[in-house]
Amino acid sequence: MPVIEELIRTEQDGSISFGNYKLSQKTKLQDFEHNGDLYKVKTFKEITKLERNGMFVYESVPGTAVEHFRETGDSVEFTVEGDQDAQITIQVEDGREYEVFVDEAAVGGMVTNISGKLVASVELSEGVAVSVRIVGR
C-alpha cells in the first residue's frame, strides 16, 4: 500500500484515504470536501491526524497511511500501513463497548471513555497493509 501523495483523496467505493508517514516535515491539507463534510489532515513521520468539520476523527502515533476509511452507523473500518507499530485513536460513540478486529482477528472488547475515543495498538511494518475493523456491540 503506497502512501497518499495528495494527503487525502476520495476512493471509487466512497471511502477516503489519507496520510503519508514518509514525510519528514508536518504537512497539512484542509477544506477537503467529501460527502458534504470538510476534512483536514495533518501528517508526517511522527503523527497522522484527521478531522471532520473541525472535530477529531483519527490519530496515529507515529504517522501512518490509511486507505478505504469508512464509518457506518456502528462501525469503522480501514487498512493502515506504517514503518513501525502505531497507537491509533478513533472517535466513536462515548461510553459504548466496541469489538476491535485486526486482520480479522478479534483483539478484544473496549469501552470508550466519556469523550468517545477508542485507542488500539497495531503492529505495522512497511509495505504491509493491516485491516482494522471496530464494531459496536
N, C-alpha and C. Protein backbone atom coordinates (compact mmCIF):
# COMPACT_ATOMS: atom_id res chain seq x y z
N MET A 1 0.84 -1.17 0.00
CA MET A 1 0.00 0.00 0.00
C MET A 1 0.89 1.24 0.00
N PRO A 2 0.78 2.06 -0.98
CA PRO A 2 1.62 3.25 -1.03
C PRO A 2 1.09 4.35 -0.11
N VAL A 3 1.94 5.32 0.22
CA VAL A 3 1.49 6.47 0.98
C VAL A 3 0.54 7.28 0.11
N ILE A 4 -0.19 8.20 0.69
CA ILE A 4 -1.16 9.01 -0.02
C ILE A 4 -0.46 10.32 -0.39
N GLU A 5 0.06 10.40 -1.61
CA GLU A 5 0.85 11.56 -2.04
C GLU A 5 0.06 12.86 -1.96
N GLU A 6 -1.25 12.81 -2.27
CA GLU A 6 -2.07 14.01 -2.23
C GLU A 6 -2.61 14.31 -0.83
N LEU A 7 -2.17 13.58 0.17
CA LEU A 7 -2.51 13.68 1.59
C LEU A 7 -3.90 13.15 1.92
N ILE A 8 -4.90 13.39 1.07
CA ILE A 8 -6.24 12.84 1.27
C ILE A 8 -6.93 12.75 -0.08
N ARG A 9 -7.71 11.69 -0.25
CA ARG A 9 -8.42 11.50 -1.52
C ARG A 9 -9.68 10.67 -1.29
N THR A 10 -10.62 10.81 -2.22
CA THR A 10 -11.83 10.00 -2.22
C THR A 10 -11.59 8.79 -3.11
N GLU A 11 -11.98 7.62 -2.62
CA GLU A 11 -11.83 6.38 -3.38
C GLU A 11 -13.11 6.10 -4.17
N GLN A 12 -13.02 5.25 -5.18
CA GLN A 12 -14.17 4.91 -6.01
C GLN A 12 -15.30 4.28 -5.21
N ASP A 13 -14.98 3.60 -4.11
CA ASP A 13 -16.01 2.95 -3.31
C ASP A 13 -16.68 3.90 -2.31
N GLY A 14 -16.33 5.19 -2.36
CA GLY A 14 -16.93 6.18 -1.48
C GLY A 14 -16.19 6.41 -0.18
N SER A 15 -15.17 5.63 0.09
CA SER A 15 -14.37 5.81 1.30
C SER A 15 -13.31 6.89 1.04
N ILE A 16 -12.52 7.22 2.08
CA ILE A 16 -11.41 8.14 1.90
C ILE A 16 -10.10 7.47 2.29
N SER A 17 -9.02 7.97 1.73
CA SER A 17 -7.67 7.52 2.07
C SER A 17 -6.87 8.76 2.42
N PHE A 18 -5.96 8.64 3.39
CA PHE A 18 -5.20 9.81 3.84
C PHE A 18 -3.92 9.38 4.54
N GLY A 19 -2.98 10.31 4.64
CA GLY A 19 -1.76 10.10 5.43
C GLY A 19 -0.53 9.76 4.62
N ASN A 20 0.61 10.23 5.11
CA ASN A 20 1.89 9.95 4.48
C ASN A 20 2.96 9.93 5.58
N TYR A 21 3.29 8.74 6.04
CA TYR A 21 4.26 8.58 7.14
C TYR A 21 5.71 8.74 6.69
N LYS A 22 5.92 8.96 5.40
CA LYS A 22 7.29 9.12 4.91
C LYS A 22 7.75 10.58 4.88
N LEU A 23 6.84 11.52 5.14
CA LEU A 23 7.20 12.93 5.13
C LEU A 23 8.04 13.27 6.37
N SER A 24 9.10 14.04 6.19
CA SER A 24 9.95 14.41 7.33
C SER A 24 9.44 15.66 8.04
N GLN A 25 8.61 16.47 7.36
CA GLN A 25 8.06 17.67 7.97
C GLN A 25 6.53 17.60 7.96
N LYS A 26 5.92 18.15 9.02
CA LYS A 26 4.46 18.15 9.12
C LYS A 26 3.86 18.87 7.92
N THR A 27 2.91 18.23 7.28
CA THR A 27 2.23 18.78 6.12
C THR A 27 0.74 18.66 6.37
N LYS A 28 -0.02 19.67 5.96
CA LYS A 28 -1.45 19.60 6.18
C LYS A 28 -2.22 20.05 4.95
N LEU A 29 -3.45 19.57 4.88
CA LEU A 29 -4.38 19.96 3.83
C LEU A 29 -5.73 20.11 4.50
N GLN A 30 -6.37 21.25 4.27
CA GLN A 30 -7.67 21.45 4.89
C GLN A 30 -8.72 21.78 3.85
N ASP A 31 -9.96 21.77 4.29
CA ASP A 31 -11.11 22.06 3.43
C ASP A 31 -11.25 21.08 2.27
N PHE A 32 -10.94 19.81 2.53
CA PHE A 32 -11.16 18.75 1.55
C PHE A 32 -12.61 18.29 1.70
N GLU A 33 -13.41 18.46 0.67
CA GLU A 33 -14.83 18.13 0.75
C GLU A 33 -15.07 16.68 0.36
N HIS A 34 -15.86 16.01 1.20
CA HIS A 34 -16.25 14.61 0.94
C HIS A 34 -17.63 14.40 1.56
N ASN A 35 -18.59 14.05 0.73
CA ASN A 35 -19.97 13.79 1.18
C ASN A 35 -20.55 14.93 2.03
N GLY A 36 -20.27 16.16 1.63
CA GLY A 36 -20.83 17.32 2.33
C GLY A 36 -20.08 17.73 3.58
N ASP A 37 -19.03 17.02 3.95
CA ASP A 37 -18.22 17.37 5.11
C ASP A 37 -16.88 17.93 4.66
N LEU A 38 -16.27 18.75 5.51
CA LEU A 38 -14.94 19.28 5.24
C LEU A 38 -13.92 18.58 6.14
N TYR A 39 -12.89 18.02 5.52
CA TYR A 39 -11.86 17.28 6.23
C TYR A 39 -10.56 18.07 6.26
N LYS A 40 -9.80 17.84 7.31
CA LYS A 40 -8.46 18.41 7.45
C LYS A 40 -7.54 17.27 7.86
N VAL A 41 -6.42 17.14 7.18
CA VAL A 41 -5.44 16.11 7.52
C VAL A 41 -4.09 16.77 7.79
N LYS A 42 -3.43 16.30 8.86
CA LYS A 42 -2.05 16.68 9.17
C LYS A 42 -1.29 15.37 9.23
N THR A 43 -0.15 15.33 8.56
CA THR A 43 0.57 14.06 8.53
C THR A 43 2.06 14.27 8.33
N PHE A 44 2.83 13.38 8.90
CA PHE A 44 4.26 13.20 8.65
C PHE A 44 4.71 12.01 9.47
N LYS A 45 6.01 11.78 9.54
CA LYS A 45 6.51 10.54 10.14
C LYS A 45 6.12 10.37 11.60
N GLU A 46 5.85 11.46 12.32
CA GLU A 46 5.57 11.36 13.76
C GLU A 46 4.10 11.24 14.11
N ILE A 47 3.20 11.72 13.24
CA ILE A 47 1.77 11.70 13.57
C ILE A 47 0.94 11.84 12.29
N THR A 48 -0.21 11.22 12.28
CA THR A 48 -1.22 11.45 11.24
C THR A 48 -2.52 11.74 11.97
N LYS A 49 -3.18 12.84 11.60
CA LYS A 49 -4.41 13.24 12.27
C LYS A 49 -5.44 13.67 11.24
N LEU A 50 -6.69 13.23 11.44
CA LEU A 50 -7.79 13.57 10.56
C LEU A 50 -8.91 14.21 11.37
N GLU A 51 -9.43 15.33 10.86
CA GLU A 51 -10.58 16.00 11.48
C GLU A 51 -11.67 16.14 10.43
N ARG A 52 -12.92 16.09 10.90
CA ARG A 52 -14.08 16.31 10.03
C ARG A 52 -14.90 17.45 10.64
N ASN A 53 -15.11 18.50 9.85
CA ASN A 53 -15.87 19.67 10.31
C ASN A 53 -15.33 20.19 11.64
N GLY A 54 -14.01 20.19 11.78
CA GLY A 54 -13.35 20.71 12.97
C GLY A 54 -13.33 19.77 14.16
N MET A 55 -13.85 18.54 14.00
CA MET A 55 -13.91 17.59 15.11
C MET A 55 -12.96 16.41 14.85
N PHE A 56 -12.37 15.90 15.92
CA PHE A 56 -11.43 14.79 15.85
C PHE A 56 -12.08 13.54 15.26
N VAL A 57 -11.33 12.83 14.37
CA VAL A 57 -11.79 11.57 13.78
C VAL A 57 -10.78 10.45 14.00
N TYR A 58 -9.49 10.71 13.69
CA TYR A 58 -8.45 9.67 13.69
C TYR A 58 -7.12 10.31 14.03
N GLU A 59 -6.29 9.54 14.78
CA GLU A 59 -4.91 9.96 15.03
C GLU A 59 -4.05 8.73 15.20
N SER A 60 -2.87 8.76 14.63
CA SER A 60 -1.90 7.68 14.86
C SER A 60 -0.56 8.28 15.24
N VAL A 61 0.10 7.62 16.16
CA VAL A 61 1.45 7.98 16.58
C VAL A 61 2.26 6.70 16.53
N PRO A 62 3.29 6.64 15.70
CA PRO A 62 3.73 7.62 14.72
C PRO A 62 2.77 7.69 13.54
N GLY A 63 3.16 8.45 12.50
CA GLY A 63 2.31 8.64 11.33
C GLY A 63 2.06 7.35 10.57
N THR A 64 0.95 7.32 9.85
CA THR A 64 0.54 6.15 9.07
C THR A 64 -0.06 6.61 7.74
N ALA A 65 -0.32 5.65 6.88
CA ALA A 65 -1.11 5.86 5.67
C ALA A 65 -2.36 5.00 5.82
N VAL A 66 -3.53 5.59 5.62
CA VAL A 66 -4.80 4.92 5.83
C VAL A 66 -5.55 4.87 4.51
N GLU A 67 -6.03 3.69 4.16
CA GLU A 67 -6.82 3.56 2.93
C GLU A 67 -8.20 3.02 3.25
N HIS A 68 -9.15 3.44 2.44
CA HIS A 68 -10.53 2.96 2.50
C HIS A 68 -11.14 3.13 3.89
N PHE A 69 -10.92 4.31 4.48
CA PHE A 69 -11.50 4.65 5.77
C PHE A 69 -12.99 4.89 5.58
N ARG A 70 -13.80 4.11 6.32
CA ARG A 70 -15.25 4.19 6.18
C ARG A 70 -15.89 4.06 7.55
N GLU A 71 -16.83 4.96 7.81
CA GLU A 71 -17.62 4.91 9.03
C GLU A 71 -19.07 4.60 8.67
N THR A 72 -19.67 3.67 9.39
CA THR A 72 -21.09 3.39 9.23
C THR A 72 -21.75 3.67 10.57
N GLY A 73 -23.01 3.33 10.71
CA GLY A 73 -23.73 3.62 11.94
C GLY A 73 -23.05 3.15 13.21
N ASP A 74 -22.52 1.94 13.21
CA ASP A 74 -21.91 1.42 14.44
C ASP A 74 -20.55 0.79 14.21
N SER A 75 -19.89 1.14 13.10
CA SER A 75 -18.57 0.57 12.86
C SER A 75 -17.65 1.54 12.11
N VAL A 76 -16.36 1.27 12.22
CA VAL A 76 -15.32 1.99 11.48
C VAL A 76 -14.41 0.92 10.92
N GLU A 77 -14.04 1.06 9.64
CA GLU A 77 -13.08 0.10 9.08
C GLU A 77 -12.14 0.80 8.12
N PHE A 78 -10.91 0.26 8.03
CA PHE A 78 -9.88 0.83 7.18
C PHE A 78 -8.69 -0.12 7.12
N THR A 79 -7.79 0.16 6.19
CA THR A 79 -6.50 -0.52 6.20
C THR A 79 -5.45 0.53 6.53
N VAL A 80 -4.40 0.11 7.20
CA VAL A 80 -3.38 1.04 7.66
C VAL A 80 -2.00 0.45 7.42
N GLU A 81 -1.07 1.32 7.09
CA GLU A 81 0.33 0.93 6.91
C GLU A 81 1.23 1.96 7.57
N GLY A 82 2.35 1.49 8.09
CA GLY A 82 3.36 2.36 8.66
C GLY A 82 4.68 1.63 8.69
N ASP A 83 5.72 2.35 9.08
CA ASP A 83 7.03 1.71 9.11
C ASP A 83 7.40 1.22 10.50
N GLN A 84 6.46 1.38 11.47
CA GLN A 84 6.66 0.85 12.81
C GLN A 84 5.30 0.74 13.50
N ASP A 85 5.24 0.01 14.61
CA ASP A 85 3.99 -0.16 15.34
C ASP A 85 3.41 1.20 15.69
N ALA A 86 2.06 1.29 15.71
CA ALA A 86 1.41 2.57 15.95
C ALA A 86 0.30 2.45 16.98
N GLN A 87 0.09 3.53 17.70
CA GLN A 87 -1.07 3.67 18.57
C GLN A 87 -2.08 4.49 17.80
N ILE A 88 -3.27 3.93 17.61
CA ILE A 88 -4.31 4.58 16.83
C ILE A 88 -5.47 4.94 17.74
N THR A 89 -5.92 6.18 17.61
CA THR A 89 -7.06 6.67 18.37
C THR A 89 -8.17 7.02 17.39
N ILE A 90 -9.37 6.52 17.64
CA ILE A 90 -10.52 6.72 16.75
C ILE A 90 -11.66 7.34 17.56
N GLN A 91 -12.35 8.29 16.96
CA GLN A 91 -13.53 8.87 17.60
C GLN A 91 -14.75 8.02 17.26
N VAL A 92 -15.40 7.51 18.28
CA VAL A 92 -16.63 6.74 18.13
C VAL A 92 -17.61 7.26 19.19
N GLU A 93 -18.65 6.53 19.46
CA GLU A 93 -19.66 6.94 20.43
C GLU A 93 -19.11 6.81 21.86
N ASP A 94 -19.39 7.78 22.70
CA ASP A 94 -18.87 7.73 24.08
C ASP A 94 -19.64 6.73 24.93
N GLY A 95 -18.90 6.09 25.84
CA GLY A 95 -19.48 5.14 26.78
C GLY A 95 -20.08 3.89 26.17
N ARG A 96 -19.59 3.50 25.02
CA ARG A 96 -20.12 2.31 24.34
C ARG A 96 -19.03 1.26 24.21
N GLU A 97 -19.44 -0.02 24.21
CA GLU A 97 -18.47 -1.10 24.05
C GLU A 97 -18.30 -1.44 22.58
N TYR A 98 -17.05 -1.66 22.19
CA TYR A 98 -16.70 -2.00 20.81
C TYR A 98 -15.81 -3.23 20.79
N GLU A 99 -15.93 -4.01 19.74
CA GLU A 99 -15.03 -5.13 19.48
C GLU A 99 -14.06 -4.66 18.40
N VAL A 100 -12.77 -4.91 18.61
CA VAL A 100 -11.74 -4.48 17.66
C VAL A 100 -11.16 -5.71 16.98
N PHE A 101 -11.08 -5.65 15.65
CA PHE A 101 -10.51 -6.72 14.85
C PHE A 101 -9.33 -6.17 14.07
N VAL A 102 -8.21 -6.89 14.11
CA VAL A 102 -7.03 -6.53 13.33
C VAL A 102 -6.73 -7.72 12.42
N ASP A 103 -6.74 -7.50 11.12
CA ASP A 103 -6.63 -8.58 10.14
C ASP A 103 -7.60 -9.72 10.46
N GLU A 104 -8.84 -9.34 10.75
CA GLU A 104 -9.97 -10.24 11.02
C GLU A 104 -9.84 -11.04 12.32
N ALA A 105 -8.78 -10.83 13.09
CA ALA A 105 -8.64 -11.49 14.38
C ALA A 105 -9.14 -10.55 15.48
N ALA A 106 -10.04 -11.03 16.33
CA ALA A 106 -10.54 -10.22 17.43
C ALA A 106 -9.41 -9.97 18.42
N VAL A 107 -9.19 -8.71 18.75
CA VAL A 107 -8.14 -8.37 19.72
C VAL A 107 -8.74 -7.92 21.05
N GLY A 108 -10.08 -7.98 21.14
CA GLY A 108 -10.71 -7.70 22.42
C GLY A 108 -11.75 -6.61 22.36
N GLY A 109 -12.58 -6.59 23.39
CA GLY A 109 -13.58 -5.56 23.53
C GLY A 109 -13.03 -4.38 24.31
N MET A 110 -13.50 -3.19 23.97
CA MET A 110 -13.06 -1.98 24.65
C MET A 110 -14.26 -1.08 24.85
N VAL A 111 -14.31 -0.41 25.97
CA VAL A 111 -15.35 0.57 26.23
C VAL A 111 -14.72 1.95 26.09
N THR A 112 -15.39 2.81 25.33
CA THR A 112 -14.85 4.15 25.13
C THR A 112 -15.02 4.99 26.38
N ASN A 113 -14.18 6.00 26.48
CA ASN A 113 -14.26 6.91 27.62
C ASN A 113 -15.35 7.96 27.36
N ILE A 114 -15.46 8.91 28.24
CA ILE A 114 -16.51 9.92 28.14
C ILE A 114 -16.39 10.79 26.89
N SER A 115 -15.19 10.89 26.33
CA SER A 115 -15.01 11.67 25.11
C SER A 115 -15.21 10.83 23.85
N GLY A 116 -15.47 9.53 24.01
CA GLY A 116 -15.75 8.68 22.86
C GLY A 116 -14.53 8.25 22.08
N LYS A 117 -13.37 8.30 22.70
CA LYS A 117 -12.14 7.92 21.99
C LYS A 117 -11.78 6.48 22.33
N LEU A 118 -11.46 5.74 21.28
CA LEU A 118 -11.04 4.35 21.42
C LEU A 118 -9.58 4.27 20.98
N VAL A 119 -8.74 3.64 21.77
CA VAL A 119 -7.31 3.56 21.49
C VAL A 119 -6.91 2.10 21.30
N ALA A 120 -6.20 1.84 20.20
CA ALA A 120 -5.73 0.49 19.92
C ALA A 120 -4.30 0.55 19.41
N SER A 121 -3.51 -0.45 19.76
CA SER A 121 -2.14 -0.56 19.24
C SER A 121 -2.15 -1.56 18.09
N VAL A 122 -1.44 -1.23 17.02
CA VAL A 122 -1.41 -2.08 15.83
C VAL A 122 0.05 -2.32 15.45
N GLU A 123 0.40 -3.60 15.25
CA GLU A 123 1.75 -3.94 14.81
C GLU A 123 1.84 -3.70 13.31
N LEU A 124 2.79 -2.86 12.90
CA LEU A 124 2.93 -2.50 11.50
C LEU A 124 4.35 -2.70 11.02
N SER A 125 4.50 -2.98 9.74
CA SER A 125 5.80 -2.99 9.09
C SER A 125 5.61 -2.46 7.68
N GLU A 126 6.58 -1.69 7.23
CA GLU A 126 6.47 -1.01 5.95
C GLU A 126 6.18 -1.98 4.81
N GLY A 127 5.24 -1.57 3.95
CA GLY A 127 4.91 -2.37 2.80
C GLY A 127 3.82 -3.41 3.05
N VAL A 128 3.34 -3.51 4.30
CA VAL A 128 2.30 -4.49 4.63
C VAL A 128 1.09 -3.77 5.22
N ALA A 129 -0.02 -3.82 4.52
CA ALA A 129 -1.25 -3.19 5.00
C ALA A 129 -1.95 -4.11 5.98
N VAL A 130 -2.50 -3.53 7.03
CA VAL A 130 -3.22 -4.26 8.06
C VAL A 130 -4.66 -3.73 8.09
N SER A 131 -5.62 -4.64 8.10
CA SER A 131 -7.02 -4.19 8.16
C SER A 131 -7.44 -4.03 9.62
N VAL A 132 -8.21 -2.97 9.88
CA VAL A 132 -8.75 -2.70 11.20
C VAL A 132 -10.25 -2.51 11.06
N ARG A 133 -11.00 -3.17 11.94
CA ARG A 133 -12.45 -3.01 11.95
C ARG A 133 -12.89 -2.89 13.40
N ILE A 134 -13.67 -1.85 13.67
CA ILE A 134 -14.16 -1.57 15.02
C ILE A 134 -15.68 -1.62 14.95
N VAL A 135 -16.29 -2.52 15.71
CA VAL A 135 -17.72 -2.74 15.62
C VAL A 135 -18.37 -2.56 16.99
N GLY A 136 -19.42 -1.73 17.04
CA GLY A 136 -20.15 -1.52 18.29
C GLY A 136 -20.93 -2.75 18.68
N ARG A 137 -21.02 -2.99 19.98
CA ARG A 137 -21.78 -4.13 20.49
C ARG A 137 -23.16 -3.68 20.91
